[in-house]
Amino acid sequence: STVLALRENGEILATMRLELLEEMDMVERKMECRWVFESVCFPVMILSKAATRSGHQGRGLNAVLRHAALKLAASWGARQLIGTFTAGSPRENSMKAMGYRFYTNEEGWYKADYQAKAPVIVAVLDLETDLERASAECRRIAGAELEKFPWQGPVPERKLVTVVK
């Protein structure tokens, strides 16, 4: 996987993990549920493990990272973005504005070390139809933060997440 980190004065303020997949069994493993939603168009990119440091929420930092992820997804040939969140999450409205479609994961999260306290939502964004819409919404949310945190360093190579057999 690829992990994006947003840094300020050497301190990590926000992160997001990107995983490019081409196999349905990997999608189901990563999403922790059977895929009973819409058709998947491979390759897909899963965005996960997004976190923003306490005291920095609400600044649009997740949108800065999502904007970078959208650019990488397009350059890596991803056809859809997939992610999960719990219902009522602050990002739900912005993801709706980006064009994501939502489905309820009836199985929920079931790992011993984390469980959902609200319904788990699976979100799917079609990059062929909604890439520009999603990018524009990220730019709107991020505002000046997008200019404050320009991309630095090399662009990550396209890597597929697979199971070694």
N, C-alpha and C. Protein backbone atom coordinates (compact mmCIF):
# COMPACT_ATOMS: atom_id res chain seq x y z
N SER A 1 0.84 -1.18 0.00
CA SER A 1 0.00 0.00 0.00
C SER A 1 0.88 1.24 0.00
N THR A 2 0.26 2.35 -0.23
CA THR A 2 0.92 3.66 -0.19
C THR A 2 0.25 4.46 0.91
N VAL A 3 1.04 5.10 1.75
CA VAL A 3 0.50 5.95 2.80
C VAL A 3 0.92 7.38 2.53
N LEU A 4 -0.07 8.24 2.41
CA LEU A 4 0.19 9.68 2.26
C LEU A 4 0.24 10.30 3.64
N ALA A 5 1.17 11.22 3.84
CA ALA A 5 1.28 11.93 5.12
C ALA A 5 1.38 13.42 4.83
N LEU A 6 0.62 14.18 5.59
CA LEU A 6 0.66 15.62 5.49
C LEU A 6 1.44 16.12 6.71
N ARG A 7 2.53 16.83 6.45
CA ARG A 7 3.43 17.27 7.53
C ARG A 7 3.53 18.78 7.60
N GLU A 8 3.70 19.25 8.83
CA GLU A 8 3.94 20.67 9.07
C GLU A 8 5.03 20.76 10.12
N ASN A 9 6.11 21.42 9.76
CA ASN A 9 7.28 21.55 10.66
C ASN A 9 7.73 20.18 11.18
N GLY A 10 7.73 19.19 10.29
CA GLY A 10 8.19 17.85 10.65
C GLY A 10 7.17 17.01 11.41
N GLU A 11 6.04 17.59 11.77
CA GLU A 11 5.01 16.87 12.52
C GLU A 11 3.94 16.36 11.56
N ILE A 12 3.58 15.08 11.67
CA ILE A 12 2.52 14.52 10.83
C ILE A 12 1.18 14.99 11.37
N LEU A 13 0.40 15.64 10.49
CA LEU A 13 -0.91 16.16 10.89
C LEU A 13 -2.04 15.27 10.39
N ALA A 14 -1.84 14.59 9.25
CA ALA A 14 -2.91 13.76 8.69
C ALA A 14 -2.28 12.67 7.82
N THR A 15 -2.96 11.54 7.76
CA THR A 15 -2.51 10.43 6.92
C THR A 15 -3.70 9.78 6.22
N MET A 16 -3.39 9.05 5.15
CA MET A 16 -4.40 8.29 4.42
C MET A 16 -3.69 7.16 3.68
N ARG A 17 -4.25 5.95 3.76
CA ARG A 17 -3.67 4.80 3.07
C ARG A 17 -4.41 4.57 1.76
N LEU A 18 -3.65 4.27 0.70
CA LEU A 18 -4.19 3.97 -0.62
C LEU A 18 -3.78 2.55 -0.99
N GLU A 19 -4.73 1.77 -1.47
CA GLU A 19 -4.42 0.42 -1.92
C GLU A 19 -5.08 0.18 -3.26
N LEU A 20 -4.30 -0.26 -4.24
CA LEU A 20 -4.81 -0.54 -5.58
C LEU A 20 -5.01 -2.05 -5.70
N LEU A 21 -6.24 -2.45 -6.07
CA LEU A 21 -6.59 -3.86 -6.12
C LEU A 21 -7.16 -4.24 -7.48
N GLU A 22 -6.92 -5.51 -7.87
CA GLU A 22 -7.48 -6.03 -9.11
C GLU A 22 -8.23 -7.34 -8.91
N GLU A 23 -8.45 -7.75 -7.66
CA GLU A 23 -9.10 -9.04 -7.40
C GLU A 23 -10.24 -8.87 -6.40
N MET A 24 -11.38 -9.48 -6.69
CA MET A 24 -12.54 -9.35 -5.83
C MET A 24 -12.28 -9.92 -4.43
N ASP A 25 -11.55 -11.02 -4.33
CA ASP A 25 -11.31 -11.57 -2.99
C ASP A 25 -10.51 -10.61 -2.13
N MET A 26 -9.63 -9.83 -2.75
CA MET A 26 -8.89 -8.82 -1.98
C MET A 26 -9.80 -7.67 -1.56
N VAL A 27 -10.73 -7.28 -2.43
CA VAL A 27 -11.68 -6.23 -2.06
C VAL A 27 -12.48 -6.69 -0.84
N GLU A 28 -12.97 -7.91 -0.87
CA GLU A 28 -13.75 -8.42 0.26
C GLU A 28 -12.92 -8.52 1.53
N ARG A 29 -11.67 -8.92 1.41
CA ARG A 29 -10.81 -9.00 2.59
C ARG A 29 -10.57 -7.61 3.18
N LYS A 30 -10.30 -6.65 2.32
CA LYS A 30 -10.03 -5.29 2.78
C LYS A 30 -11.28 -4.60 3.33
N MET A 31 -12.44 -4.89 2.73
CA MET A 31 -13.67 -4.26 3.18
C MET A 31 -14.30 -5.01 4.35
N GLU A 32 -13.79 -6.20 4.64
CA GLU A 32 -14.26 -7.04 5.74
C GLU A 32 -15.73 -7.42 5.59
N CYS A 33 -16.13 -7.69 4.36
CA CYS A 33 -17.49 -8.14 4.11
C CYS A 33 -17.57 -8.74 2.71
N ARG A 34 -18.61 -9.53 2.51
CA ARG A 34 -18.90 -10.00 1.15
C ARG A 34 -19.32 -8.79 0.33
N TRP A 35 -18.91 -8.75 -0.93
CA TRP A 35 -19.28 -7.63 -1.78
C TRP A 35 -20.64 -7.93 -2.41
N VAL A 36 -21.67 -7.29 -1.90
CA VAL A 36 -23.03 -7.48 -2.38
C VAL A 36 -23.60 -6.16 -2.91
N PHE A 37 -22.70 -5.25 -3.26
CA PHE A 37 -23.11 -3.91 -3.66
C PHE A 37 -23.07 -3.82 -5.19
N GLU A 38 -22.74 -2.69 -5.74
CA GLU A 38 -22.70 -2.52 -7.19
C GLU A 38 -21.51 -3.26 -7.80
N SER A 39 -21.50 -3.39 -9.11
CA SER A 39 -20.40 -4.04 -9.81
C SER A 39 -19.10 -3.27 -9.59
N VAL A 40 -18.01 -4.01 -9.49
CA VAL A 40 -16.70 -3.41 -9.33
C VAL A 40 -16.02 -3.38 -10.69
N CYS A 41 -15.42 -2.25 -11.02
CA CYS A 41 -14.67 -2.09 -12.26
C CYS A 41 -13.20 -1.98 -11.88
N PHE A 42 -12.44 -3.01 -12.16
CA PHE A 42 -11.04 -3.04 -11.75
C PHE A 42 -10.16 -2.28 -12.73
N PRO A 43 -9.03 -1.75 -12.23
CA PRO A 43 -8.60 -1.76 -10.83
C PRO A 43 -9.37 -0.73 -10.00
N VAL A 44 -9.46 -1.02 -8.70
CA VAL A 44 -10.09 -0.10 -7.76
C VAL A 44 -9.04 0.36 -6.75
N MET A 45 -9.27 1.54 -6.20
CA MET A 45 -8.41 2.04 -5.13
C MET A 45 -9.24 2.14 -3.87
N ILE A 46 -8.73 1.56 -2.80
CA ILE A 46 -9.37 1.68 -1.50
C ILE A 46 -8.64 2.75 -0.71
N LEU A 47 -9.40 3.70 -0.19
CA LEU A 47 -8.85 4.71 0.71
C LEU A 47 -9.24 4.28 2.12
N SER A 48 -8.26 4.24 3.02
CA SER A 48 -8.56 3.78 4.38
C SER A 48 -7.56 4.38 5.36
N LYS A 49 -7.81 4.09 6.62
CA LYS A 49 -6.94 4.51 7.72
C LYS A 49 -6.64 6.00 7.68
N ALA A 50 -7.60 6.79 7.26
CA ALA A 50 -7.43 8.23 7.27
C ALA A 50 -7.53 8.73 8.70
N ALA A 51 -6.61 9.59 9.06
CA ALA A 51 -6.61 10.13 10.42
C ALA A 51 -6.05 11.55 10.39
N THR A 52 -6.60 12.39 11.25
CA THR A 52 -6.11 13.75 11.40
C THR A 52 -5.79 13.97 12.87
N ARG A 53 -4.64 14.53 13.11
CA ARG A 53 -4.18 14.76 14.47
C ARG A 53 -5.16 15.64 15.24
N SER A 54 -5.36 15.31 16.50
CA SER A 54 -6.24 16.08 17.37
C SER A 54 -5.84 17.56 17.34
N GLY A 55 -6.83 18.41 17.26
CA GLY A 55 -6.58 19.84 17.21
C GLY A 55 -6.44 20.40 15.80
N HIS A 56 -6.40 19.51 14.81
CA HIS A 56 -6.26 19.95 13.41
C HIS A 56 -7.44 19.54 12.55
N GLN A 57 -8.48 18.93 13.16
CA GLN A 57 -9.67 18.56 12.41
C GLN A 57 -10.39 19.82 11.95
N GLY A 58 -11.12 19.68 10.87
CA GLY A 58 -11.92 20.80 10.37
C GLY A 58 -11.14 21.79 9.53
N ARG A 59 -9.88 21.51 9.27
CA ARG A 59 -9.05 22.42 8.45
C ARG A 59 -9.07 22.04 6.98
N GLY A 60 -9.64 20.90 6.63
CA GLY A 60 -9.63 20.45 5.24
C GLY A 60 -8.42 19.60 4.90
N LEU A 61 -7.72 19.10 5.91
CA LEU A 61 -6.50 18.32 5.65
C LEU A 61 -6.82 16.98 4.99
N ASN A 62 -7.93 16.35 5.39
CA ASN A 62 -8.33 15.11 4.73
C ASN A 62 -8.62 15.38 3.25
N ALA A 63 -9.20 16.52 2.94
CA ALA A 63 -9.49 16.88 1.54
C ALA A 63 -8.20 17.09 0.75
N VAL A 64 -7.16 17.62 1.38
CA VAL A 64 -5.86 17.76 0.71
C VAL A 64 -5.34 16.38 0.33
N LEU A 65 -5.40 15.44 1.28
CA LEU A 65 -4.93 14.08 1.00
C LEU A 65 -5.82 13.38 -0.02
N ARG A 66 -7.13 13.55 0.08
CA ARG A 66 -8.05 12.91 -0.87
C ARG A 66 -7.81 13.46 -2.28
N HIS A 67 -7.51 14.74 -2.38
CA HIS A 67 -7.21 15.36 -3.68
C HIS A 67 -5.97 14.70 -4.29
N ALA A 68 -4.94 14.50 -3.48
CA ALA A 68 -3.73 13.81 -3.95
C ALA A 68 -4.05 12.37 -4.34
N ALA A 69 -4.89 11.71 -3.55
CA ALA A 69 -5.27 10.32 -3.85
C ALA A 69 -6.02 10.24 -5.18
N LEU A 70 -6.88 11.21 -5.45
CA LEU A 70 -7.61 11.23 -6.72
C LEU A 70 -6.65 11.35 -7.90
N LYS A 71 -5.65 12.20 -7.77
CA LYS A 71 -4.66 12.35 -8.84
C LYS A 71 -3.90 11.04 -9.05
N LEU A 72 -3.50 10.40 -7.96
CA LEU A 72 -2.79 9.13 -8.08
C LEU A 72 -3.69 8.06 -8.67
N ALA A 73 -4.94 8.01 -8.22
CA ALA A 73 -5.88 7.02 -8.75
C ALA A 73 -6.01 7.16 -10.26
N ALA A 74 -6.13 8.38 -10.73
CA ALA A 74 -6.25 8.62 -12.18
C ALA A 74 -4.98 8.19 -12.91
N SER A 75 -3.83 8.55 -12.36
CA SER A 75 -2.57 8.21 -13.04
C SER A 75 -2.28 6.71 -12.99
N TRP A 76 -2.80 6.02 -11.98
CA TRP A 76 -2.58 4.57 -11.86
C TRP A 76 -3.65 3.77 -12.59
N GLY A 77 -4.63 4.43 -13.19
CA GLY A 77 -5.65 3.74 -13.96
C GLY A 77 -6.80 3.17 -13.14
N ALA A 78 -6.96 3.61 -11.90
CA ALA A 78 -8.08 3.12 -11.08
C ALA A 78 -9.39 3.61 -11.70
N ARG A 79 -10.38 2.76 -11.65
CA ARG A 79 -11.69 3.11 -12.21
C ARG A 79 -12.70 3.49 -11.15
N GLN A 80 -12.46 3.05 -9.91
CA GLN A 80 -13.35 3.39 -8.80
C GLN A 80 -12.52 3.60 -7.54
N LEU A 81 -13.05 4.43 -6.65
CA LEU A 81 -12.52 4.56 -5.29
C LEU A 81 -13.54 3.92 -4.38
N ILE A 82 -13.06 3.18 -3.38
CA ILE A 82 -13.94 2.53 -2.41
C ILE A 82 -13.43 2.87 -1.02
N GLY A 83 -14.33 3.06 -0.10
CA GLY A 83 -13.95 3.30 1.29
C GLY A 83 -15.11 2.97 2.20
N THR A 84 -14.85 3.03 3.50
CA THR A 84 -15.90 2.80 4.48
C THR A 84 -15.84 3.88 5.55
N PHE A 85 -16.95 4.06 6.23
CA PHE A 85 -17.02 4.95 7.38
C PHE A 85 -18.27 4.59 8.15
N THR A 86 -18.41 5.12 9.34
CA THR A 86 -19.63 4.87 10.10
C THR A 86 -20.65 5.97 9.78
N ALA A 87 -21.91 5.57 9.74
CA ALA A 87 -22.99 6.51 9.44
C ALA A 87 -22.91 7.71 10.38
N GLY A 88 -23.14 8.88 9.81
CA GLY A 88 -23.11 10.10 10.60
C GLY A 88 -21.73 10.73 10.68
N SER A 89 -20.75 10.12 10.04
CA SER A 89 -19.39 10.66 10.03
C SER A 89 -19.38 12.04 9.38
N PRO A 90 -18.52 12.95 9.85
CA PRO A 90 -18.47 14.29 9.28
C PRO A 90 -18.20 14.31 7.78
N ARG A 91 -17.50 13.32 7.25
CA ARG A 91 -17.16 13.34 5.82
C ARG A 91 -18.31 12.89 4.92
N GLU A 92 -19.39 12.40 5.49
CA GLU A 92 -20.50 11.86 4.69
C GLU A 92 -21.05 12.90 3.69
N ASN A 93 -21.30 14.11 4.15
CA ASN A 93 -21.87 15.14 3.26
C ASN A 93 -20.91 15.52 2.15
N SER A 94 -19.62 15.66 2.47
CA SER A 94 -18.67 16.04 1.43
C SER A 94 -18.49 14.90 0.41
N MET A 95 -18.52 13.66 0.89
CA MET A 95 -18.41 12.53 -0.04
C MET A 95 -19.63 12.44 -0.95
N LYS A 96 -20.79 12.76 -0.42
CA LYS A 96 -22.01 12.79 -1.23
C LYS A 96 -21.86 13.86 -2.31
N ALA A 97 -21.34 15.02 -1.94
CA ALA A 97 -21.13 16.10 -2.91
C ALA A 97 -20.10 15.72 -3.98
N MET A 98 -19.17 14.84 -3.63
CA MET A 98 -18.16 14.39 -4.60
C MET A 98 -18.73 13.40 -5.61
N GLY A 99 -19.87 12.79 -5.27
CA GLY A 99 -20.47 11.83 -6.19
C GLY A 99 -20.44 10.39 -5.69
N TYR A 100 -19.94 10.17 -4.48
CA TYR A 100 -19.93 8.81 -3.93
C TYR A 100 -21.35 8.29 -3.80
N ARG A 101 -21.49 6.98 -3.99
CA ARG A 101 -22.74 6.28 -3.72
C ARG A 101 -22.53 5.46 -2.45
N PHE A 102 -23.58 5.34 -1.63
CA PHE A 102 -23.45 4.72 -0.32
C PHE A 102 -24.29 3.45 -0.21
N TYR A 103 -23.74 2.47 0.48
CA TYR A 103 -24.41 1.20 0.74
C TYR A 103 -24.16 0.83 2.19
N THR A 104 -25.13 0.23 2.85
CA THR A 104 -24.94 -0.21 4.23
C THR A 104 -24.33 -1.60 4.24
N ASN A 105 -23.24 -1.75 4.98
CA ASN A 105 -22.60 -3.05 5.19
C ASN A 105 -23.31 -3.69 6.37
N GLU A 106 -24.22 -4.59 6.09
CA GLU A 106 -25.03 -5.22 7.13
C GLU A 106 -24.19 -6.03 8.10
N GLU A 107 -23.01 -6.48 7.68
CA GLU A 107 -22.14 -7.28 8.55
C GLU A 107 -21.38 -6.41 9.54
N GLY A 108 -21.21 -5.14 9.23
CA GLY A 108 -20.47 -4.23 10.12
C GLY A 108 -19.01 -4.62 10.24
N TRP A 109 -18.28 -3.90 11.07
CA TRP A 109 -16.89 -4.25 11.37
C TRP A 109 -16.91 -5.21 12.54
N TYR A 110 -16.13 -6.25 12.46
CA TYR A 110 -16.22 -7.30 13.45
C TYR A 110 -14.90 -7.73 14.06
N LYS A 111 -13.83 -7.03 13.80
CA LYS A 111 -12.54 -7.38 14.38
C LYS A 111 -12.61 -7.24 15.90
N ALA A 112 -11.82 -8.04 16.58
CA ALA A 112 -11.81 -8.01 18.04
C ALA A 112 -11.32 -6.67 18.58
N ASP A 113 -10.40 -6.02 17.84
CA ASP A 113 -9.83 -4.78 18.34
C ASP A 113 -10.57 -3.52 17.89
N TYR A 114 -11.58 -3.65 17.07
CA TYR A 114 -12.43 -2.51 16.75
C TYR A 114 -13.80 -2.98 16.29
N GLN A 115 -14.80 -2.23 16.69
CA GLN A 115 -16.17 -2.53 16.30
C GLN A 115 -16.88 -1.20 16.05
N ALA A 116 -17.82 -1.22 15.14
CA ALA A 116 -18.56 -0.01 14.83
C ALA A 116 -19.68 0.21 15.84
N LYS A 117 -19.86 1.47 16.24
CA LYS A 117 -20.95 1.83 17.14
C LYS A 117 -22.13 2.40 16.37
N ALA A 118 -21.98 2.50 15.06
CA ALA A 118 -23.05 2.97 14.16
C ALA A 118 -22.99 2.10 12.91
N PRO A 119 -24.02 2.14 12.06
CA PRO A 119 -23.97 1.35 10.83
C PRO A 119 -22.73 1.68 10.00
N VAL A 120 -22.14 0.64 9.40
CA VAL A 120 -20.96 0.81 8.55
C VAL A 120 -21.43 1.05 7.12
N ILE A 121 -20.92 2.11 6.54
CA ILE A 121 -21.29 2.50 5.18
C ILE A 121 -20.12 2.21 4.24
N VAL A 122 -20.43 1.59 3.12
CA VAL A 122 -19.46 1.38 2.03
C VAL A 122 -19.73 2.48 1.01
N ALA A 123 -18.68 3.18 0.62
CA ALA A 123 -18.81 4.29 -0.33
C ALA A 123 -18.05 3.95 -1.61
N VAL A 124 -18.67 4.21 -2.75
CA VAL A 124 -18.07 3.91 -4.05
C VAL A 124 -18.14 5.16 -4.93
N LEU A 125 -17.00 5.53 -5.51
CA LEU A 125 -16.93 6.67 -6.41
C LEU A 125 -16.48 6.18 -7.77
N ASP A 126 -17.25 6.47 -8.80
CA ASP A 126 -16.89 6.11 -10.18
C ASP A 126 -15.98 7.21 -10.73
N LEU A 127 -14.72 6.87 -10.95
CA LEU A 127 -13.76 7.88 -11.40
C LEU A 127 -13.97 8.28 -12.86
N GLU A 128 -14.57 7.39 -13.64
CA GLU A 128 -14.80 7.73 -15.05
C GLU A 128 -15.84 8.85 -15.19
N THR A 129 -16.78 8.93 -14.26
CA THR A 129 -17.81 9.96 -14.36
C THR A 129 -17.67 11.08 -13.34
N ASP A 130 -17.02 10.81 -12.19
CA ASP A 130 -17.04 11.79 -11.11
C ASP A 130 -15.66 12.29 -10.65
N LEU A 131 -14.61 11.99 -11.40
CA LEU A 131 -13.27 12.44 -10.98
C LEU A 131 -13.19 13.95 -10.85
N GLU A 132 -13.63 14.68 -11.85
CA GLU A 132 -13.52 16.14 -11.80
C GLU A 132 -14.42 16.73 -10.71
N ARG A 133 -15.61 16.18 -10.58
CA ARG A 133 -16.53 16.64 -9.53
C ARG A 133 -15.92 16.44 -8.15
N ALA A 134 -15.32 15.26 -7.92
CA ALA A 134 -14.70 14.97 -6.63
C ALA A 134 -13.48 15.86 -6.40
N SER A 135 -12.68 16.06 -7.43
CA SER A 135 -11.51 16.93 -7.30
C SER A 135 -11.92 18.37 -6.97
N ALA A 136 -12.95 18.84 -7.63
CA ALA A 136 -13.43 20.21 -7.38
C ALA A 136 -13.93 20.34 -5.95
N GLU A 137 -14.63 19.33 -5.45
CA GLU A 137 -15.13 19.39 -4.07
C GLU A 137 -13.97 19.36 -3.07
N CYS A 138 -12.95 18.57 -3.35
CA CYS A 138 -11.76 18.56 -2.48
C CYS A 138 -11.09 19.93 -2.47
N ARG A 139 -10.98 20.55 -3.65
CA ARG A 139 -10.38 21.89 -3.71
C ARG A 139 -11.21 22.90 -2.93
N ARG A 140 -12.53 22.78 -3.03
CA ARG A 140 -13.42 23.70 -2.29
C ARG A 140 -13.24 23.53 -0.79
N ILE A 141 -13.22 22.28 -0.32
CA ILE A 141 -13.10 22.01 1.11
C ILE A 141 -11.73 22.40 1.63
N ALA A 142 -10.69 22.04 0.89
CA ALA A 142 -9.31 22.28 1.34
C ALA A 142 -8.95 23.76 1.31
N GLY A 143 -9.49 24.48 0.35
CA GLY A 143 -9.21 25.92 0.25
C GLY A 143 -7.72 26.22 0.25
N ALA A 144 -7.31 27.14 1.09
CA ALA A 144 -5.91 27.57 1.14
C ALA A 144 -4.97 26.47 1.62
N GLU A 145 -5.50 25.48 2.32
CA GLU A 145 -4.65 24.38 2.80
C GLU A 145 -4.03 23.61 1.64
N LEU A 146 -4.71 23.58 0.51
CA LEU A 146 -4.19 22.88 -0.66
C LEU A 146 -2.91 23.54 -1.16
N GLU A 147 -2.86 24.87 -1.13
CA GLU A 147 -1.65 25.60 -1.53
C GLU A 147 -0.59 25.54 -0.43
N LYS A 148 -1.03 25.51 0.82
CA LYS A 148 -0.10 25.47 1.94
C LYS A 148 0.67 24.15 1.99
N PHE A 149 0.03 23.07 1.50
CA PHE A 149 0.65 21.75 1.55
C PHE A 149 0.79 21.17 0.14
N PRO A 150 1.69 21.74 -0.68
CA PRO A 150 1.89 21.19 -2.03
C PRO A 150 2.60 19.83 -1.93
N TRP A 151 2.42 19.03 -2.97
CA TRP A 151 3.09 17.73 -3.02
C TRP A 151 4.59 17.94 -2.95
N GLN A 152 5.25 17.14 -2.13
CA GLN A 152 6.71 17.17 -2.03
C GLN A 152 7.22 15.74 -2.11
N GLY A 153 8.36 15.58 -2.73
CA GLY A 153 8.95 14.26 -2.84
C GLY A 153 8.51 13.56 -4.11
N PRO A 154 9.02 12.34 -4.29
CA PRO A 154 8.69 11.60 -5.51
C PRO A 154 7.24 11.12 -5.51
N VAL A 155 6.72 10.92 -6.70
CA VAL A 155 5.37 10.38 -6.84
C VAL A 155 5.47 8.87 -6.65
N PRO A 156 4.64 8.29 -5.78
CA PRO A 156 4.70 6.85 -5.54
C PRO A 156 4.43 6.04 -6.81
N GLU A 157 5.11 4.93 -6.93
CA GLU A 157 4.89 4.03 -8.06
C GLU A 157 3.57 3.29 -7.89
N ARG A 158 3.01 2.89 -9.02
CA ARG A 158 1.79 2.08 -9.02
C ARG A 158 2.14 0.70 -8.49
N LYS A 159 1.45 0.29 -7.42
CA LYS A 159 1.66 -1.02 -6.82
C LYS A 159 0.31 -1.68 -6.63
N LEU A 160 0.21 -2.96 -6.97
CA LEU A 160 -1.01 -3.72 -6.72
C LEU A 160 -0.88 -4.49 -5.42
N VAL A 161 -1.94 -4.48 -4.64
CA VAL A 161 -1.98 -5.28 -3.42
C VAL A 161 -2.44 -6.68 -3.84
N THR A 162 -1.63 -7.65 -3.53
CA THR A 162 -1.95 -9.04 -3.88
C THR A 162 -1.60 -9.95 -2.72
N VAL A 163 -2.09 -11.17 -2.81
CA VAL A 163 -1.73 -12.19 -1.84
C VAL A 163 -0.64 -13.04 -2.46
N VAL A 164 0.44 -13.21 -1.74
CA VAL A 164 1.51 -14.07 -2.23
C VAL A 164 1.09 -15.50 -1.95
N LYS A 165 1.07 -16.32 -2.98
CA LYS A 165 0.60 -17.71 -2.82
C LYS A 165 1.74 -18.68 -2.89
